[in-house]
C-alpha atoms as a PDB file:
ATOM      1  CA  UNK A   1       6.837  10.245 -10.746  1.00  0.00           C
ATOM      2  CA  UNK A   2       9.054   8.586 -13.201  1.00  0.00           C
ATOM      3  CA  UNK A   3       9.950   5.037 -12.156  1.00  0.00           C
ATOM      4  CA  UNK A   4      10.991   5.556  -8.463  1.00  0.00           C
ATOM      5  CA  UNK A   5       9.018   3.357  -6.327  1.00  0.00           C
ATOM      6  CA  UNK A   6       9.800   3.640  -2.510  1.00  0.00           C
ATOM      7  CA  UNK A   7       7.833   0.626  -1.847  1.00  0.00           C
ATOM      8  CA  UNK A   8      10.396  -1.669  -3.387  1.00  0.00           C
ATOM      9  CA  UNK A   9      12.777  -1.057  -0.381  1.00  0.00           C
ATOM     10  CA  UNK A  10      10.547  -0.636   2.234  1.00  0.00           C
ATOM     11  CA  UNK A  11       7.635  -3.244   2.777  1.00  0.00           C
ATOM     12  CA  UNK A  12       6.574  -2.115   6.243  1.00  0.00           C
ATOM     13  CA  UNK A  13       2.891  -1.568   5.817  1.00  0.00           C
ATOM     14  CA  UNK A  14       2.778  -5.324   4.750  1.00  0.00           C
ATOM     15  CA  UNK A  15       3.915  -6.224   8.171  1.00  0.00           C
ATOM     16  CA  UNK A  16       2.122  -3.781  10.086  1.00  0.00           C
ATOM     17  CA  UNK A  17      -1.660  -3.646   9.009  1.00  0.00           C
ATOM     18  CA  UNK A  18      -4.089  -6.680   8.912  1.00  0.00           C
ATOM     19  CA  UNK A  19      -5.158  -6.443   5.383  1.00  0.00           C
ATOM     20  CA  UNK A  20      -8.830  -7.357   5.518  1.00  0.00           C
ATOM     21  CA  UNK A  21     -11.519  -7.032   2.480  1.00  0.00           C
ATOM     22  CA  UNK A  22     -14.653  -8.379   1.417  1.00  0.00           C
ATOM     23  CA  UNK A  23     -14.473 -12.060   0.729  1.00  0.00           C
ATOM     24  CA  UNK A  24     -15.654 -11.456  -2.810  1.00  0.00           C
ATOM     25  CA  UNK A  25     -12.383 -10.187  -3.929  1.00  0.00           C
ATOM     26  CA  UNK A  26     -10.892 -13.893  -3.448  1.00  0.00           C
ATOM     27  CA  UNK A  27     -10.737 -15.857  -6.476  1.00  0.00           C
ATOM     28  CA  UNK A  28     -12.803 -18.479  -5.368  1.00  0.00           C
ATOM     29  CA  UNK A  29     -15.863 -15.975  -5.815  1.00  0.00           C
ATOM     30  CA  UNK A  30     -17.369 -15.097  -9.384  1.00  0.00           C
ATOM     31  CA  UNK A  31     -15.425 -12.134 -10.405  1.00  0.00           C
ATOM     32  CA  UNK A  32     -12.664 -12.509  -7.350  1.00  0.00           C
ATOM     33  CA  UNK A  33      -8.927 -11.945  -8.288  1.00  0.00           C
ATOM     34  CA  UNK A  34      -7.009 -12.379  -4.785  1.00  0.00           C
ATOM     35  CA  UNK A  35      -5.479 -15.796  -4.568  1.00  0.00           C
ATOM     36  CA  UNK A  36      -7.998 -17.546  -2.000  1.00  0.00           C
ATOM     37  CA  UNK A  37      -5.307 -20.025  -0.878  1.00  0.00           C
ATOM     38  CA  UNK A  38      -3.271 -16.888   0.474  1.00  0.00           C
ATOM     39  CA  UNK A  39      -6.478 -15.554   2.546  1.00  0.00           C
ATOM     40  CA  UNK A  40      -8.047 -16.490   5.571  1.00  0.00           C
ATOM     41  CA  UNK A  41     -11.678 -16.196   6.660  1.00  0.00           C
ATOM     42  CA  UNK A  42     -12.370 -13.695   9.597  1.00  0.00           C
ATOM     43  CA  UNK A  43     -16.122 -13.979   9.386  1.00  0.00           C
ATOM     44  CA  UNK A  44     -18.763 -14.899   6.668  1.00  0.00           C
ATOM     45  CA  UNK A  45     -18.111 -11.451   4.633  1.00  0.00           C
ATOM     46  CA  UNK A  46     -14.317 -10.650   5.305  1.00  0.00           C
ATOM     47  CA  UNK A  47     -11.133 -12.311   4.516  1.00  0.00           C
ATOM     48  CA  UNK A  48      -7.529 -11.116   5.338  1.00  0.00           C
ATOM     49  CA  UNK A  49      -4.181 -11.938   3.798  1.00  0.00           C
ATOM     50  CA  UNK A  50      -2.589 -15.009   5.407  1.00  0.00           C
ATOM     51  CA  UNK A  51       0.096 -13.754   7.907  1.00  0.00           C
ATOM     52  CA  UNK A  52      -1.455 -10.279   8.360  1.00  0.00           C
ATOM     53  CA  UNK A  53      -3.621 -11.169  11.292  1.00  0.00           C
ATOM     54  CA  UNK A  54      -0.989 -12.980  13.277  1.00  0.00           C
ATOM     55  CA  UNK A  55       0.991 -11.376  16.388  1.00  0.00           C
ATOM     56  CA  UNK A  56       3.938 -11.098  14.075  1.00  0.00           C
ATOM     57  CA  UNK A  57       2.379  -9.759  11.024  1.00  0.00           C
ATOM     58  CA  UNK A  58       3.641 -10.278   7.573  1.00  0.00           C
ATOM     59  CA  UNK A  59       1.521 -10.772   4.534  1.00  0.00           C
ATOM     60  CA  UNK A  60       2.023 -14.033   2.863  1.00  0.00           C
ATOM     61  CA  UNK A  61       2.517 -12.238  -0.298  1.00  0.00           C
ATOM     62  CA  UNK A  62       5.457 -10.087   0.751  1.00  0.00           C
ATOM     63  CA  UNK A  63       8.533 -11.367  -0.715  1.00  0.00           C
ATOM     64  CA  UNK A  64      12.060 -10.334   0.323  1.00  0.00           C
ATOM     65  CA  UNK A  65      13.766  -8.387   2.955  1.00  0.00           C
ATOM     66  CA  UNK A  66      11.925  -5.617   4.810  1.00  0.00           C
ATOM     67  CA  UNK A  67      13.510  -2.529   4.484  1.00  0.00           C
ATOM     68  CA  UNK A  68      15.913  -3.562   1.674  1.00  0.00           C
ATOM     69  CA  UNK A  69      14.419  -5.122  -1.381  1.00  0.00           C
ATOM     70  CA  UNK A  70      10.626  -6.399  -1.437  1.00  0.00           C
ATOM     71  CA  UNK A  71       8.135  -7.082  -3.646  1.00  0.00           C
ATOM     72  CA  UNK A  72       4.431  -8.546  -3.745  1.00  0.00           C
ATOM     73  CA  UNK A  73       3.964 -11.873  -5.307  1.00  0.00           C
ATOM     74  CA  UNK A  74       0.397 -10.922  -6.285  1.00  0.00           C
ATOM     75  CA  UNK A  75       0.750  -7.464  -7.302  1.00  0.00           C
ATOM     76  CA  UNK A  76      -1.526  -7.525  -9.863  1.00  0.00           C
ATOM     77  CA  UNK A  77      -4.180  -9.504  -7.925  1.00  0.00           C
ATOM     78  CA  UNK A  78      -3.850  -7.872  -4.507  1.00  0.00           C
ATOM     79  CA  UNK A  79      -6.725  -6.752  -2.674  1.00  0.00           C
ATOM     80  CA  UNK A  80      -8.498  -3.456  -2.249  1.00  0.00           C
ATOM     81  CA  UNK A  81      -6.908  -2.105   0.894  1.00  0.00           C
ATOM     82  CA  UNK A  82      -3.281  -2.676  -0.796  1.00  0.00           C
ATOM     83  CA  UNK A  83      -4.523  -0.940  -3.786  1.00  0.00           C
ATOM     84  CA  UNK A  84      -6.078   2.163  -1.917  1.00  0.00           C
ATOM     85  CA  UNK A  85      -3.271   2.784   0.584  1.00  0.00           C
ATOM     86  CA  UNK A  86      -1.573   5.832  -0.946  1.00  0.00           C
ATOM     87  CA  UNK A  87       2.001   6.391  -0.719  1.00  0.00           C
ATOM     88  CA  UNK A  88       1.485   9.725  -2.353  1.00  0.00           C
ATOM     89  CA  UNK A  89      -1.668  11.671  -2.080  1.00  0.00           C
ATOM     90  CA  UNK A  90      -3.175  13.083  -5.183  1.00  0.00           C
ATOM     91  CA  UNK A  91      -1.648  16.488  -4.702  1.00  0.00           C
ATOM     92  CA  UNK A  92       1.828  14.894  -4.696  1.00  0.00           C
ATOM     93  CA  UNK A  93       2.505  14.837  -1.160  1.00  0.00           C
ATOM     94  CA  UNK A  94       3.999  12.095   0.839  1.00  0.00           C
ATOM     95  CA  UNK A  95       1.585  10.105   3.034  1.00  0.00           C
ATOM     96  CA  UNK A  96       2.770  10.710   6.562  1.00  0.00           C
ATOM     97  CA  UNK A  97       1.759   7.494   7.648  1.00  0.00           C
ATOM     98  CA  UNK A  98       4.274   6.154   5.171  1.00  0.00           C
ATOM     99  CA  UNK A  99       6.977   8.050   6.788  1.00  0.00           C
ATOM    100  CA  UNK A 100       5.947   7.048  10.338  1.00  0.00           C
ATOM    101  CA  UNK A 101       6.493   3.454   9.330  1.00  0.00           C
ATOM    102  CA  UNK A 102       9.483   3.898   7.299  1.00  0.00           C
ATOM    103  CA  UNK A 103      11.098   5.430  10.394  1.00  0.00           C
ATOM    104  CA  UNK A 104      10.589   2.261  12.279  1.00  0.00           C
ATOM    105  CA  UNK A 105      12.781   0.266   9.962  1.00  0.00           C
ATOM    106  CA  UNK A 106      15.160   3.466   9.687  1.00  0.00           C
ATOM    107  CA  UNK A 107      14.384   4.426   6.398  1.00  0.00           C
ATOM    108  CA  UNK A 108      14.397   8.104   5.414  1.00  0.00           C
ATOM    109  CA  UNK A 109      11.232   9.844   4.879  1.00  0.00           C
ATOM    110  CA  UNK A 110       9.655   9.829   1.459  1.00  0.00           C
ATOM    111  CA  UNK A 111      10.972  12.533  -0.871  1.00  0.00           C
ATOM    112  CA  UNK A 112       8.453  15.352  -2.211  1.00  0.00           C
ATOM    113  CA  UNK A 113       8.636  14.247  -6.143  1.00  0.00           C
ATOM    114  CA  UNK A 114       7.091  17.971  -6.654  1.00  0.00           C
ATOM    115  CA  UNK A 115       8.637  20.354  -4.127  1.00  0.00           C
ATOM    116  CA  UNK A 116       8.035  23.429  -6.220  1.00  0.00           C
ATOM    117  CA  UNK A 117       4.404  22.501  -6.986  1.00  0.00           C
ATOM    118  CA  UNK A 118       1.459  23.370  -4.751  1.00  0.00           C
ATOM    119  CA  UNK A 119      -1.825  22.056  -5.593  1.00  0.00           C
ATOM    120  CA  UNK A 120      -4.812  24.525  -5.060  1.00  0.00           C
ATOM    121  CA  UNK A 121      -8.056  23.296  -3.816  1.00  0.00           C
ATOM    122  CA  UNK A 122     -10.508  24.689  -6.298  1.00  0.00           C
ATOM    123  CA  UNK A 123     -13.795  23.693  -8.273  1.00  0.00           C
ATOM    124  CA  UNK A 124     -11.103  22.745 -10.943  1.00  0.00           C
ATOM    125  CA  UNK A 125      -9.414  19.788  -9.680  1.00  0.00           C
ATOM    126  CA  UNK A 126      -6.641  20.415 -12.359  1.00  0.00           C
ATOM    127  CA  UNK A 127      -6.181  23.952 -11.129  1.00  0.00           C
ATOM    128  CA  UNK A 128      -2.237  24.336  -9.877  1.00  0.00           C
ATOM    129  CA  UNK A 129      -0.297  27.004  -8.865  1.00  0.00           C
ATOM    130  CA  UNK A 130       3.655  26.621  -9.674  1.00  0.00           C
ATOM    131  CA  UNK A 131       5.941  28.540  -7.160  1.00  0.00           C
ATOM    132  CA  UNK A 132       9.526  29.559  -7.789  1.00  0.00           C
END
C-alpha cells in the first residue's frame, strides 16, 4: 500500500474506544513495552490508556489535531488493541468501522488500494483472482 497512511489525518479511533489491555504489556512488568505512566489500572489484570476511559475520550498518546494531522507518541510501544485494529483487512478491503468513525469527523471513506483485485477464500491463502 505504498506509504499512504490514512491514520495520520484521522485519529478518531483514539477518541472513540477505551483502549484496554492485559497489565503485562506495561513496561513496569517483565517484558512489557507500553509506558506504564500513560496507563491506568482497571482491575488487577487489566489496564487502559489514560484518557481512553474518560467521558470525553482521548488517548494520552494521541498527538495533533483530530481529523487533520495526528500521530501516536508511543507508536512503537502501543498496546495490542491498537496493533490489532485493522484499517484494512487482510484481503485489502477497508474496515467499515473506520469509515463509520471517519464520517463522524467529516473525513471521506477509506480508498480501496486494490479496486480491481478480489481475494478468493480458498485452501491456499495466497490464491488471488484479478479482474479487468
